[in-house]
Amino acid sequence: MHRIAFQPTHLVLNFIKCIQMLLVMCNPLQVLGVDGVNFSVHVENQTQVRDTMSRRHHRVYQLYSRTSGKHVQVLGRRISARGEDGDKYAQLVVEADTFGSQVRIRGKETNFYLCMNRRGKLVGKKASNRSADCVFVEMVLENHYTALMSARYAGWYVGFTKRGRPRRGPHTLPNQQDVHFMKRFPPGEQPDLTTPFRFTTVSKRVKRVRATGTR
């Protein structure tokens, strides 16, 4: 018997090409390689865009200064780091309305925002002010402390001296203890860590049989 060599038809070749295109589209790594899409640039751009699709996230906490040993206070237009634990001026409302880590910090008592002007000075501004000077990038450092860098003036950080006086942004560095903070819950709002974790066991569903009466 003679073997007949299979010759792919035009339709078969087109079908194979379609399958190959589908495989490329389903593989994101190949898409990035083919289209040259830089996903990191896309993420960076999105973190600077306000999130109008989700509800604005608000948190209330205190910022403990590593150098002064006290808490950051928003005393109206004046800013300091001399607040005791539970001080009403040390309770801060942190607003996040972007996809990234950009936040606005407002004093819960005074309703003034923590801001940094063009000279690098920390000042308080009224709640109606939507200036870019009041936007900070919340960063978690390798030592687990938190640093706040100005979103408008890159490289300038919120910092305080040992006496709780604000440092100017140009005189701060991320490795300085002056810019290191620890988030703390206000007194009475700490989560109860002694309560054991509760979980629910899923029992096997039992099929209910409808009772039928005799006719």
N, C-alpha and C. Protein backbone atom coordinates (compact mmCIF):
# COMPACT_ATOMS: atom_id res chain seq x y z
N MET A 1 0.85 -1.19 0.00
CA MET A 1 0.00 0.00 0.00
C MET A 1 0.89 1.24 0.00
N HIS A 2 0.46 2.23 -0.75
CA HIS A 2 1.21 3.49 -0.82
C HIS A 2 0.64 4.47 0.20
N ARG A 3 1.55 5.12 0.95
CA ARG A 3 1.11 6.14 1.91
C ARG A 3 0.89 7.47 1.20
N ILE A 4 -0.22 8.12 1.55
CA ILE A 4 -0.57 9.40 0.93
C ILE A 4 -0.12 10.51 1.87
N ALA A 5 0.78 11.34 1.39
CA ALA A 5 1.29 12.45 2.20
C ALA A 5 0.18 13.48 2.41
N PHE A 6 0.03 13.93 3.68
CA PHE A 6 -1.02 14.91 4.00
C PHE A 6 -0.53 16.31 3.65
N GLN A 7 -1.28 17.00 2.85
CA GLN A 7 -0.96 18.37 2.46
C GLN A 7 -1.97 19.30 3.12
N PRO A 8 -1.51 20.16 4.04
CA PRO A 8 -2.45 21.05 4.72
C PRO A 8 -3.09 22.03 3.75
N THR A 9 -4.38 22.13 3.86
CA THR A 9 -5.12 23.04 2.99
C THR A 9 -5.02 24.47 3.50
N HIS A 10 -5.55 25.39 2.72
CA HIS A 10 -5.53 26.81 3.08
C HIS A 10 -6.35 27.05 4.34
N LEU A 11 -7.47 26.36 4.49
CA LEU A 11 -8.30 26.54 5.68
C LEU A 11 -7.60 26.05 6.93
N VAL A 12 -6.87 24.93 6.81
CA VAL A 12 -6.15 24.39 7.96
C VAL A 12 -5.05 25.35 8.40
N LEU A 13 -4.34 25.95 7.46
CA LEU A 13 -3.27 26.90 7.81
C LEU A 13 -3.84 28.13 8.51
N ASN A 14 -4.97 28.61 8.01
CA ASN A 14 -5.60 29.76 8.67
C ASN A 14 -6.06 29.41 10.09
N PHE A 15 -6.54 28.19 10.26
CA PHE A 15 -6.99 27.76 11.59
C PHE A 15 -5.81 27.71 12.56
N ILE A 16 -4.66 27.21 12.10
CA ILE A 16 -3.47 27.13 12.95
C ILE A 16 -3.00 28.53 13.34
N LYS A 17 -3.05 29.48 12.40
CA LYS A 17 -2.63 30.84 12.70
C LYS A 17 -3.55 31.47 13.74
N CYS A 18 -4.84 31.18 13.64
CA CYS A 18 -5.79 31.73 14.62
C CYS A 18 -5.51 31.20 16.02
N ILE A 19 -5.19 29.90 16.11
CA ILE A 19 -4.87 29.31 17.41
C ILE A 19 -3.62 29.95 18.01
N GLN A 20 -2.62 30.21 17.18
CA GLN A 20 -1.38 30.83 17.67
C GLN A 20 -1.64 32.25 18.18
N MET A 21 -2.48 32.98 17.47
CA MET A 21 -2.80 34.34 17.92
C MET A 21 -3.55 34.32 19.25
N LEU A 22 -4.46 33.35 19.42
CA LEU A 22 -5.18 33.25 20.68
C LEU A 22 -4.26 32.93 21.84
N LEU A 23 -3.27 32.07 21.59
CA LEU A 23 -2.32 31.73 22.65
C LEU A 23 -1.50 32.94 23.06
N VAL A 24 -1.12 33.76 22.12
CA VAL A 24 -0.35 34.97 22.42
C VAL A 24 -1.19 35.96 23.23
N MET A 25 -2.46 36.09 22.85
CA MET A 25 -3.33 37.03 23.56
C MET A 25 -3.62 36.57 24.98
N CYS A 26 -3.67 35.26 25.20
CA CYS A 26 -3.96 34.74 26.53
C CYS A 26 -2.76 34.77 27.45
N ASN A 27 -1.57 34.90 26.92
CA ASN A 27 -0.35 34.92 27.73
C ASN A 27 0.08 36.37 27.93
N PRO A 28 -0.09 36.94 29.17
CA PRO A 28 0.26 38.35 29.38
C PRO A 28 1.73 38.65 29.19
N LEU A 29 2.60 37.66 29.47
CA LEU A 29 4.03 37.92 29.30
C LEU A 29 4.37 38.13 27.85
N GLN A 30 3.73 37.35 26.97
CA GLN A 30 4.00 37.53 25.55
C GLN A 30 3.41 38.83 25.05
N VAL A 31 2.26 39.22 25.63
CA VAL A 31 1.66 40.49 25.22
C VAL A 31 2.58 41.64 25.57
N LEU A 32 3.16 41.59 26.80
CA LEU A 32 4.08 42.65 27.20
C LEU A 32 5.30 42.67 26.30
N GLY A 33 5.76 41.49 25.90
CA GLY A 33 6.93 41.44 25.05
C GLY A 33 6.65 41.93 23.65
N VAL A 34 5.44 41.63 23.14
CA VAL A 34 5.11 42.02 21.77
C VAL A 34 4.77 43.50 21.68
N ASP A 35 3.91 43.95 22.62
CA ASP A 35 3.46 45.33 22.54
C ASP A 35 4.40 46.31 23.22
N GLY A 36 5.35 45.82 24.02
CA GLY A 36 6.28 46.70 24.71
C GLY A 36 5.61 47.51 25.81
N VAL A 37 4.59 46.94 26.46
CA VAL A 37 3.87 47.64 27.51
C VAL A 37 4.69 47.59 28.80
N ASN A 38 4.91 48.75 29.41
CA ASN A 38 5.63 48.84 30.68
C ASN A 38 4.60 48.97 31.79
N PHE A 39 4.31 47.85 32.47
CA PHE A 39 3.24 47.84 33.46
C PHE A 39 3.59 48.71 34.66
N SER A 40 4.87 48.80 35.04
CA SER A 40 5.26 49.60 36.20
C SER A 40 4.96 51.07 35.98
N VAL A 41 5.14 51.56 34.75
CA VAL A 41 4.81 52.95 34.44
C VAL A 41 3.31 53.17 34.56
N HIS A 42 2.54 52.19 34.11
CA HIS A 42 1.08 52.29 34.21
C HIS A 42 0.64 52.37 35.66
N VAL A 43 1.23 51.55 36.53
CA VAL A 43 0.88 51.57 37.94
C VAL A 43 1.25 52.90 38.57
N GLU A 44 2.44 53.42 38.24
CA GLU A 44 2.89 54.69 38.80
C GLU A 44 1.96 55.83 38.39
N ASN A 45 1.50 55.81 37.16
CA ASN A 45 0.57 56.84 36.70
C ASN A 45 -0.76 56.74 37.42
N GLN A 46 -1.24 55.51 37.64
CA GLN A 46 -2.53 55.32 38.28
C GLN A 46 -2.50 55.73 39.75
N THR A 47 -1.36 55.60 40.42
CA THR A 47 -1.28 55.97 41.83
C THR A 47 -1.39 57.47 42.02
N GLN A 48 -1.20 58.25 40.95
CA GLN A 48 -1.31 59.70 41.05
C GLN A 48 -2.69 60.20 40.62
N VAL A 49 -3.57 59.29 40.24
CA VAL A 49 -4.91 59.66 39.80
C VAL A 49 -5.87 59.41 40.94
N ARG A 50 -6.76 60.34 41.22
CA ARG A 50 -7.72 60.19 42.29
C ARG A 50 -8.72 59.09 41.95
N ASP A 51 -9.05 58.34 42.96
CA ASP A 51 -9.95 57.21 42.79
C ASP A 51 -11.38 57.71 42.97
N THR A 52 -12.08 57.95 41.87
CA THR A 52 -13.46 58.43 41.92
C THR A 52 -14.45 57.28 41.88
N MET A 53 -13.95 56.04 41.77
CA MET A 53 -14.83 54.89 41.67
C MET A 53 -15.15 54.28 43.03
N SER A 54 -14.25 54.45 43.99
CA SER A 54 -14.44 53.84 45.31
C SER A 54 -14.73 54.91 46.35
N ARG A 55 -15.21 54.45 47.48
CA ARG A 55 -15.48 55.37 48.59
C ARG A 55 -14.16 55.79 49.23
N ARG A 56 -14.05 57.08 49.55
CA ARG A 56 -12.83 57.58 50.17
C ARG A 56 -12.60 56.90 51.51
N HIS A 57 -11.36 56.45 51.72
CA HIS A 57 -11.04 55.69 52.92
C HIS A 57 -10.48 56.62 53.98
N HIS A 58 -11.07 56.60 55.18
CA HIS A 58 -10.63 57.42 56.29
C HIS A 58 -10.13 56.53 57.43
N ARG A 59 -9.01 56.92 58.02
CA ARG A 59 -8.47 56.23 59.18
C ARG A 59 -8.17 57.26 60.26
N VAL A 60 -8.27 56.87 61.50
CA VAL A 60 -7.95 57.75 62.62
C VAL A 60 -6.85 57.08 63.44
N TYR A 61 -5.70 57.75 63.55
CA TYR A 61 -4.64 57.22 64.39
C TYR A 61 -3.73 58.36 64.85
N GLN A 62 -2.77 58.02 65.69
CA GLN A 62 -1.77 58.96 66.17
C GLN A 62 -0.44 58.64 65.51
N LEU A 63 0.40 59.66 65.35
CA LEU A 63 1.74 59.47 64.79
C LEU A 63 2.76 59.73 65.89
N TYR A 64 3.40 58.65 66.33
CA TYR A 64 4.41 58.75 67.37
C TYR A 64 5.76 59.08 66.75
N SER A 65 6.38 60.19 67.17
CA SER A 65 7.66 60.63 66.63
C SER A 65 8.79 59.88 67.33
N ARG A 66 9.69 59.34 66.55
CA ARG A 66 10.81 58.57 67.10
C ARG A 66 11.79 59.45 67.85
N THR A 67 11.93 60.70 67.43
CA THR A 67 12.92 61.59 68.06
C THR A 67 12.37 62.28 69.30
N SER A 68 11.17 62.82 69.23
CA SER A 68 10.63 63.56 70.37
C SER A 68 10.01 62.65 71.41
N GLY A 69 9.65 61.42 71.03
CA GLY A 69 8.99 60.54 71.98
C GLY A 69 7.56 60.96 72.29
N LYS A 70 7.02 61.86 71.48
CA LYS A 70 5.65 62.34 71.64
C LYS A 70 4.90 62.13 70.32
N HIS A 71 3.70 62.69 70.24
CA HIS A 71 2.85 62.50 69.08
C HIS A 71 2.67 63.80 68.31
N VAL A 72 2.50 63.66 66.99
CA VAL A 72 2.31 64.82 66.12
C VAL A 72 0.97 65.48 66.44
N GLN A 73 0.99 66.80 66.55
CA GLN A 73 -0.20 67.58 66.84
C GLN A 73 -0.48 68.56 65.70
N VAL A 74 -1.73 68.71 65.34
CA VAL A 74 -2.16 69.75 64.40
C VAL A 74 -2.93 70.77 65.22
N LEU A 75 -2.24 71.85 65.61
CA LEU A 75 -2.80 72.87 66.51
C LEU A 75 -3.31 74.05 65.71
N GLY A 76 -4.06 73.82 64.69
CA GLY A 76 -4.46 74.90 63.79
C GLY A 76 -3.37 75.12 62.76
N ARG A 77 -2.87 76.34 62.68
CA ARG A 77 -1.79 76.63 61.73
C ARG A 77 -0.44 76.14 62.23
N ARG A 78 -0.33 75.83 63.50
CA ARG A 78 0.95 75.41 64.07
C ARG A 78 0.98 73.89 64.18
N ILE A 79 2.16 73.32 63.86
CA ILE A 79 2.38 71.88 63.91
C ILE A 79 3.50 71.59 64.90
N SER A 80 3.33 70.54 65.70
CA SER A 80 4.38 70.15 66.63
C SER A 80 4.31 68.64 66.84
N ALA A 81 5.29 68.13 67.59
CA ALA A 81 5.31 66.70 67.96
C ALA A 81 5.55 66.61 69.45
N ARG A 82 4.64 67.20 70.22
CA ARG A 82 4.75 67.23 71.67
C ARG A 82 3.51 66.65 72.35
N GLY A 83 2.64 66.03 71.60
CA GLY A 83 1.39 65.54 72.16
C GLY A 83 1.55 64.26 72.96
N GLU A 84 0.85 64.20 74.09
CA GLU A 84 0.83 62.98 74.89
C GLU A 84 -0.13 61.97 74.26
N ASP A 85 -0.01 60.73 74.70
CA ASP A 85 -0.88 59.68 74.20
C ASP A 85 -2.33 60.01 74.59
N GLY A 86 -3.20 60.11 73.60
CA GLY A 86 -4.60 60.43 73.86
C GLY A 86 -4.93 61.91 73.76
N ASP A 87 -3.93 62.76 73.53
CA ASP A 87 -4.19 64.19 73.37
C ASP A 87 -5.15 64.42 72.21
N LYS A 88 -6.14 65.28 72.40
CA LYS A 88 -7.15 65.48 71.37
C LYS A 88 -6.58 66.08 70.09
N TYR A 89 -5.51 66.86 70.22
CA TYR A 89 -4.89 67.45 69.03
C TYR A 89 -3.98 66.46 68.30
N ALA A 90 -3.71 65.33 68.93
CA ALA A 90 -2.84 64.32 68.31
C ALA A 90 -3.63 63.27 67.53
N GLN A 91 -4.95 63.35 67.57
CA GLN A 91 -5.77 62.41 66.82
C GLN A 91 -5.92 62.92 65.39
N LEU A 92 -5.43 62.15 64.46
CA LEU A 92 -5.35 62.56 63.07
C LEU A 92 -6.28 61.73 62.20
N VAL A 93 -6.95 62.40 61.29
CA VAL A 93 -7.81 61.73 60.31
C VAL A 93 -7.02 61.64 59.01
N VAL A 94 -6.74 60.44 58.57
CA VAL A 94 -5.94 60.22 57.37
C VAL A 94 -6.87 59.84 56.23
N GLU A 95 -6.87 60.64 55.17
CA GLU A 95 -7.75 60.42 54.03
C GLU A 95 -6.93 59.88 52.86
N ALA A 96 -7.41 58.82 52.26
CA ALA A 96 -6.77 58.24 51.08
C ALA A 96 -7.80 58.15 49.98
N ASP A 97 -7.57 58.85 48.86
CA ASP A 97 -8.51 58.81 47.74
C ASP A 97 -7.79 58.59 46.42
N THR A 98 -6.69 57.84 46.48
CA THR A 98 -5.97 57.45 45.27
C THR A 98 -5.77 55.95 45.29
N PHE A 99 -5.32 55.40 44.16
CA PHE A 99 -5.04 53.97 44.08
C PHE A 99 -3.74 53.61 44.80
N GLY A 100 -2.90 54.60 45.06
CA GLY A 100 -1.62 54.31 45.68
C GLY A 100 -1.60 54.68 47.15
N SER A 101 -0.49 55.22 47.64
CA SER A 101 -0.31 55.50 49.06
C SER A 101 -0.31 57.00 49.35
N GLN A 102 -0.90 57.81 48.51
CA GLN A 102 -0.99 59.25 48.76
C GLN A 102 -2.12 59.53 49.74
N VAL A 103 -1.82 60.33 50.75
CA VAL A 103 -2.79 60.60 51.82
C VAL A 103 -2.81 62.09 52.13
N ARG A 104 -3.89 62.50 52.77
CA ARG A 104 -4.02 63.84 53.33
C ARG A 104 -4.33 63.66 54.80
N ILE A 105 -3.64 64.41 55.66
CA ILE A 105 -3.74 64.23 57.12
C ILE A 105 -4.39 65.47 57.72
N ARG A 106 -5.46 65.24 58.45
CA ARG A 106 -6.24 66.33 59.03
C ARG A 106 -6.36 66.15 60.53
N GLY A 107 -6.22 67.23 61.26
CA GLY A 107 -6.42 67.18 62.70
C GLY A 107 -7.89 66.99 63.02
N LYS A 108 -8.22 65.98 63.80
CA LYS A 108 -9.62 65.69 64.09
C LYS A 108 -10.27 66.79 64.91
N GLU A 109 -9.51 67.44 65.78
CA GLU A 109 -10.05 68.48 66.64
C GLU A 109 -10.13 69.83 65.94
N THR A 110 -9.07 70.21 65.22
CA THR A 110 -9.01 71.55 64.62
C THR A 110 -9.55 71.60 63.19
N ASN A 111 -9.63 70.44 62.53
CA ASN A 111 -10.08 70.37 61.13
C ASN A 111 -9.12 71.08 60.18
N PHE A 112 -7.85 71.21 60.58
CA PHE A 112 -6.80 71.77 59.73
C PHE A 112 -5.98 70.62 59.17
N TYR A 113 -5.47 70.82 57.93
CA TYR A 113 -4.66 69.81 57.28
C TYR A 113 -3.18 70.06 57.53
N LEU A 114 -2.43 68.97 57.65
CA LEU A 114 -0.97 69.04 57.71
C LEU A 114 -0.44 69.27 56.30
N CYS A 115 0.32 70.36 56.11
CA CYS A 115 0.81 70.72 54.78
C CYS A 115 2.27 71.13 54.86
N MET A 116 2.93 71.15 53.70
CA MET A 116 4.32 71.60 53.59
C MET A 116 4.38 72.63 52.47
N ASN A 117 4.79 73.86 52.81
CA ASN A 117 4.82 74.92 51.79
C ASN A 117 6.08 74.82 50.94
N ARG A 118 6.23 75.74 50.02
CA ARG A 118 7.34 75.67 49.06
C ARG A 118 8.70 75.89 49.70
N ARG A 119 8.73 76.43 50.93
CA ARG A 119 10.00 76.59 51.66
C ARG A 119 10.31 75.36 52.52
N GLY A 120 9.41 74.36 52.47
CA GLY A 120 9.64 73.13 53.24
C GLY A 120 9.18 73.21 54.67
N LYS A 121 8.41 74.23 55.02
CA LYS A 121 7.94 74.41 56.39
C LYS A 121 6.60 73.71 56.56
N LEU A 122 6.44 73.01 57.70
CA LEU A 122 5.18 72.36 58.01
C LEU A 122 4.21 73.37 58.59
N VAL A 123 3.03 73.47 57.98
CA VAL A 123 2.01 74.41 58.40
C VAL A 123 0.66 73.70 58.37
N GLY A 124 -0.31 74.31 59.05
CA GLY A 124 -1.67 73.81 59.02
C GLY A 124 -2.53 74.70 58.13
N LYS A 125 -3.38 74.07 57.33
CA LYS A 125 -4.27 74.81 56.45
C LYS A 125 -5.70 74.35 56.66
N LYS A 126 -6.64 75.22 56.36
CA LYS A 126 -8.05 74.93 56.60
C LYS A 126 -8.51 73.74 55.77
N ALA A 127 -9.58 73.12 56.28
CA ALA A 127 -10.06 71.89 55.65
C ALA A 127 -10.57 72.12 54.24
N SER A 128 -10.98 73.33 53.93
CA SER A 128 -11.48 73.60 52.58
C SER A 128 -10.36 73.71 51.56
N ASN A 129 -9.12 73.77 52.04
CA ASN A 129 -7.98 73.92 51.14
C ASN A 129 -7.64 72.58 50.50
N ARG A 130 -7.63 72.53 49.15
CA ARG A 130 -7.31 71.30 48.41
C ARG A 130 -5.95 71.40 47.73
N SER A 131 -5.05 72.16 48.35
CA SER A 131 -3.73 72.38 47.76
C SER A 131 -2.94 71.09 47.70
N ALA A 132 -2.08 70.98 46.68
CA ALA A 132 -1.19 69.82 46.55
C ALA A 132 -0.13 69.82 47.65
N ASP A 133 0.04 70.94 48.35
CA ASP A 133 0.99 70.98 49.47
C ASP A 133 0.56 70.07 50.62
N CYS A 134 -0.70 69.67 50.63
CA CYS A 134 -1.24 68.88 51.74
C CYS A 134 -1.31 67.38 51.42
N VAL A 135 -0.67 66.97 50.35
CA VAL A 135 -0.68 65.56 49.95
C VAL A 135 0.70 64.97 50.24
N PHE A 136 0.70 63.80 50.91
CA PHE A 136 1.95 63.14 51.27
C PHE A 136 1.91 61.68 50.81
N VAL A 137 3.10 61.15 50.59
CA VAL A 137 3.23 59.75 50.21
C VAL A 137 3.62 58.96 51.45
N GLU A 138 2.77 58.05 51.85
CA GLU A 138 3.00 57.24 53.04
C GLU A 138 3.93 56.07 52.69
N MET A 139 5.08 56.01 53.32
CA MET A 139 6.09 55.01 53.00
C MET A 139 6.42 54.18 54.24
N VAL A 140 6.49 52.86 54.07
CA VAL A 140 6.91 51.97 55.15
C VAL A 140 8.38 51.62 54.94
N LEU A 141 9.22 51.98 55.91
CA LEU A 141 10.66 51.82 55.77
C LEU A 141 11.07 50.40 56.17
N GLU A 142 12.34 50.08 55.94
CA GLU A 142 12.84 48.74 56.24
C GLU A 142 12.82 48.45 57.74
N ASN A 143 12.91 49.48 58.56
CA ASN A 143 12.88 49.29 60.01
C ASN A 143 11.45 49.31 60.55
N HIS A 144 10.48 49.26 59.65
CA HIS A 144 9.05 49.18 59.97
C HIS A 144 8.47 50.50 60.46
N TYR A 145 9.26 51.56 60.49
CA TYR A 145 8.70 52.87 60.78
C TYR A 145 8.05 53.44 59.52
N THR A 146 7.21 54.45 59.71
CA THR A 146 6.53 55.10 58.60
C THR A 146 7.13 56.47 58.36
N ALA A 147 7.32 56.83 57.09
CA ALA A 147 7.80 58.15 56.70
C ALA A 147 6.77 58.78 55.78
N LEU A 148 6.69 60.10 55.83
CA LEU A 148 5.74 60.85 55.01
C LEU A 148 6.51 61.82 54.13
N MET A 149 6.53 61.54 52.84
CA MET A 149 7.23 62.39 51.89
C MET A 149 6.22 63.27 51.16
N SER A 150 6.58 64.51 50.94
CA SER A 150 5.70 65.43 50.21
C SER A 150 5.52 64.93 48.78
N ALA A 151 4.25 64.86 48.35
CA ALA A 151 3.97 64.42 46.98
C ALA A 151 4.32 65.51 45.98
N ARG A 152 4.35 66.74 46.42
CA ARG A 152 4.66 67.86 45.52
C ARG A 152 6.15 68.14 45.45
N TYR A 153 6.82 68.00 46.58
CA TYR A 153 8.26 68.27 46.65
C TYR A 153 8.97 66.96 46.99
N ALA A 154 9.29 66.20 45.97
CA ALA A 154 9.89 64.88 46.16
C ALA A 154 11.22 65.00 46.91
N GLY A 155 11.42 64.13 47.89
CA GLY A 155 12.65 64.15 48.68
C GLY A 155 12.54 64.96 49.95
N TRP A 156 11.41 65.65 50.15
CA TRP A 156 11.19 66.41 51.39
C TRP A 156 10.24 65.62 52.27
N TYR A 157 10.62 65.44 53.54
CA TYR A 157 9.86 64.59 54.45
C TYR A 157 9.35 65.38 55.66
N VAL A 158 8.30 64.86 56.25
CA VAL A 158 7.82 65.39 57.53
C VAL A 158 8.79 64.94 58.61
N GLY A 159 9.33 65.89 59.37
CA GLY A 159 10.31 65.55 60.40
C GLY A 159 10.26 66.50 61.57
N PHE A 160 10.73 66.04 62.73
CA PHE A 160 10.71 66.85 63.95
C PHE A 160 12.01 66.66 64.72
N THR A 161 12.36 67.68 65.48
CA THR A 161 13.54 67.62 66.33
C THR A 161 13.20 66.90 67.65
N LYS A 162 14.19 66.75 68.52
CA LYS A 162 13.96 66.10 69.80
C LYS A 162 13.01 66.91 70.67
N ARG A 163 12.94 68.20 70.43
CA ARG A 163 12.03 69.06 71.19
C ARG A 163 10.64 69.14 70.55
N GLY A 164 10.44 68.40 69.46
CA GLY A 164 9.14 68.38 68.83
C GLY A 164 8.89 69.52 67.86
N ARG A 165 9.96 70.20 67.47
CA ARG A 165 9.80 71.30 66.52
C ARG A 165 9.92 70.76 65.10
N PRO A 166 9.14 71.29 64.16
CA PRO A 166 9.19 70.79 62.78
C PRO A 166 10.52 71.11 62.12
N ARG A 167 11.01 70.18 61.34
CA ARG A 167 12.18 70.39 60.49
C ARG A 167 11.72 70.78 59.11
N ARG A 168 12.50 71.60 58.44
CA ARG A 168 12.17 71.98 57.07
C ARG A 168 12.48 70.82 56.12
N GLY A 169 11.67 70.68 55.12
CA GLY A 169 11.79 69.58 54.19
C GLY A 169 13.17 69.41 53.57
N PRO A 170 13.84 70.50 53.11
CA PRO A 170 15.15 70.33 52.48
C PRO A 170 16.22 69.77 53.41
N HIS A 171 15.98 69.81 54.74
CA HIS A 171 16.97 69.34 55.71
C HIS A 171 16.66 67.93 56.21
N THR A 172 15.82 67.20 55.49
CA THR A 172 15.43 65.86 55.93
C THR A 172 15.92 64.80 54.94
N LEU A 173 16.16 63.61 55.48
CA LEU A 173 16.54 62.45 54.68
C LEU A 173 15.78 61.23 55.20
N PRO A 174 15.51 60.27 54.34
CA PRO A 174 14.72 59.11 54.78
C PRO A 174 15.40 58.25 55.83
N ASN A 175 16.73 58.31 55.94
CA ASN A 175 17.43 57.49 56.93
C ASN A 175 17.60 58.22 58.27
N GLN A 176 17.10 59.44 58.39
CA GLN A 176 17.17 60.17 59.65
C GLN A 176 16.04 59.74 60.58
N GLN A 177 16.35 59.64 61.86
CA GLN A 177 15.32 59.29 62.83
C GLN A 177 14.25 60.38 62.94
N ASP A 178 14.61 61.60 62.53
CA ASP A 178 13.66 62.72 62.62
C ASP A 178 12.40 62.49 61.79
N VAL A 179 12.49 61.66 60.76
CA VAL A 179 11.35 61.47 59.86
C VAL A 179 10.67 60.12 60.09
N HIS A 180 11.03 59.43 61.17
CA HIS A 180 10.48 58.11 61.44
C HIS A 180 9.31 58.23 62.42
N PHE A 181 8.20 57.61 62.06
CA PHE A 181 6.99 57.66 62.88
C PHE A 181 6.42 56.26 63.05
N MET A 182 5.62 56.12 64.10
CA MET A 182 4.92 54.86 64.35
C MET A 182 3.43 55.17 64.52
N LYS A 183 2.61 54.42 63.81
CA LYS A 183 1.16 54.61 63.91
C LYS A 183 0.65 53.97 65.19
N ARG A 184 -0.22 54.71 65.88
CA ARG A 184 -0.78 54.19 67.13
C ARG A 184 -2.28 54.49 67.16
N PHE A 185 -3.04 53.55 67.66
CA PHE A 185 -4.46 53.79 67.85
C PHE A 185 -4.66 54.76 69.01
N PRO A 186 -5.68 55.61 68.95
CA PRO A 186 -6.01 56.43 70.12
C PRO A 186 -6.45 55.55 71.29
N PRO A 187 -6.27 55.99 72.53
CA PRO A 187 -6.66 55.17 73.67
C PRO A 187 -8.15 54.80 73.60
N GLY A 188 -8.43 53.56 73.92
CA GLY A 188 -9.81 53.09 73.88
C GLY A 188 -10.24 52.54 72.55
N GLU A 189 -9.38 52.69 71.53
CA GLU A 189 -9.72 52.19 70.20
C GLU A 189 -8.78 51.08 69.74
N GLN A 190 -7.94 50.58 70.66
CA GLN A 190 -7.05 49.48 70.30
C GLN A 190 -7.86 48.21 70.07
N PRO A 191 -7.52 47.45 69.06
CA PRO A 191 -8.23 46.19 68.83
C PRO A 191 -7.92 45.18 69.93
N ASP A 192 -8.89 44.36 70.26
CA ASP A 192 -8.72 43.34 71.30
C ASP A 192 -7.98 42.15 70.71
N LEU A 193 -6.68 42.04 71.05
CA LEU A 193 -5.85 40.97 70.52
C LEU A 193 -5.92 39.70 71.37
N THR A 194 -6.62 39.78 72.52
CA THR A 194 -6.72 38.60 73.39
C THR A 194 -7.86 37.68 72.98
N THR A 195 -8.80 38.20 72.20
CA THR A 195 -9.93 37.38 71.77
C THR A 195 -9.45 36.35 70.75
N PRO A 196 -9.70 35.09 70.98
CA PRO A 196 -9.25 34.08 70.01
C PRO A 196 -10.00 34.20 68.70
N PHE A 197 -9.32 33.78 67.65
CA PHE A 197 -9.92 33.84 66.32
C PHE A 197 -11.07 32.84 66.23
N ARG A 198 -12.20 33.32 65.76
CA ARG A 198 -13.36 32.46 65.63
C ARG A 198 -13.56 32.10 64.17
N PHE A 199 -13.85 30.85 63.96
CA PHE A 199 -14.09 30.40 62.60
C PHE A 199 -15.37 29.57 62.58
N THR A 200 -15.95 29.50 61.44
CA THR A 200 -17.21 28.79 61.28
C THR A 200 -16.96 27.53 60.48
N THR A 201 -17.41 26.41 61.03
CA THR A 201 -17.27 25.16 60.31
C THR A 201 -18.45 24.99 59.37
N VAL A 202 -18.15 24.57 58.18
CA VAL A 202 -19.19 24.37 57.18
C VAL A 202 -19.66 22.93 57.26
N SER A 203 -20.89 22.75 57.66
CA SER A 203 -21.44 21.41 57.77
C SER A 203 -22.00 20.96 56.43
N LYS A 204 -22.12 19.67 56.28
CA LYS A 204 -22.63 19.11 55.05
C LYS A 204 -24.11 19.42 54.90
N ARG A 205 -24.45 19.95 53.75
CA ARG A 205 -25.85 20.33 53.53
C ARG A 205 -26.72 19.08 53.45
N VAL A 206 -27.84 19.17 54.11
CA VAL A 206 -28.78 18.06 54.12
C VAL A 206 -29.96 18.44 53.23
N LYS A 207 -30.27 17.57 52.32
CA LYS A 207 -31.36 17.83 51.40
C LYS A 207 -32.68 17.69 52.13
N ARG A 208 -33.45 18.76 52.07
CA ARG A 208 -34.73 18.74 52.74
C ARG A 208 -35.77 18.03 51.87
N VAL A 209 -36.53 17.19 52.49
CA VAL A 209 -37.59 16.46 51.79
C VAL A 209 -38.92 17.04 52.19
N ARG A 210 -39.64 17.52 51.22
CA ARG A 210 -40.94 18.11 51.50
C ARG A 210 -41.92 17.02 51.90
N ALA A 211 -42.55 17.25 53.00
CA ALA A 211 -43.50 16.24 53.49
C ALA A 211 -44.72 16.22 52.58
N THR A 212 -45.11 15.06 52.20
CA THR A 212 -46.28 14.89 51.33
C THR A 212 -47.37 14.20 52.10
N GLY A 213 -48.53 14.77 52.07
CA GLY A 213 -49.66 14.16 52.77
C GLY A 213 -50.40 13.19 51.90
N THR A 214 -51.13 12.33 52.52
CA THR A 214 -51.93 11.36 51.78
C THR A 214 -53.19 12.01 51.27
N ARG A 215 -53.51 11.72 50.04
CA ARG A 215 -54.72 12.28 49.45
C ARG A 215 -55.89 11.35 49.65
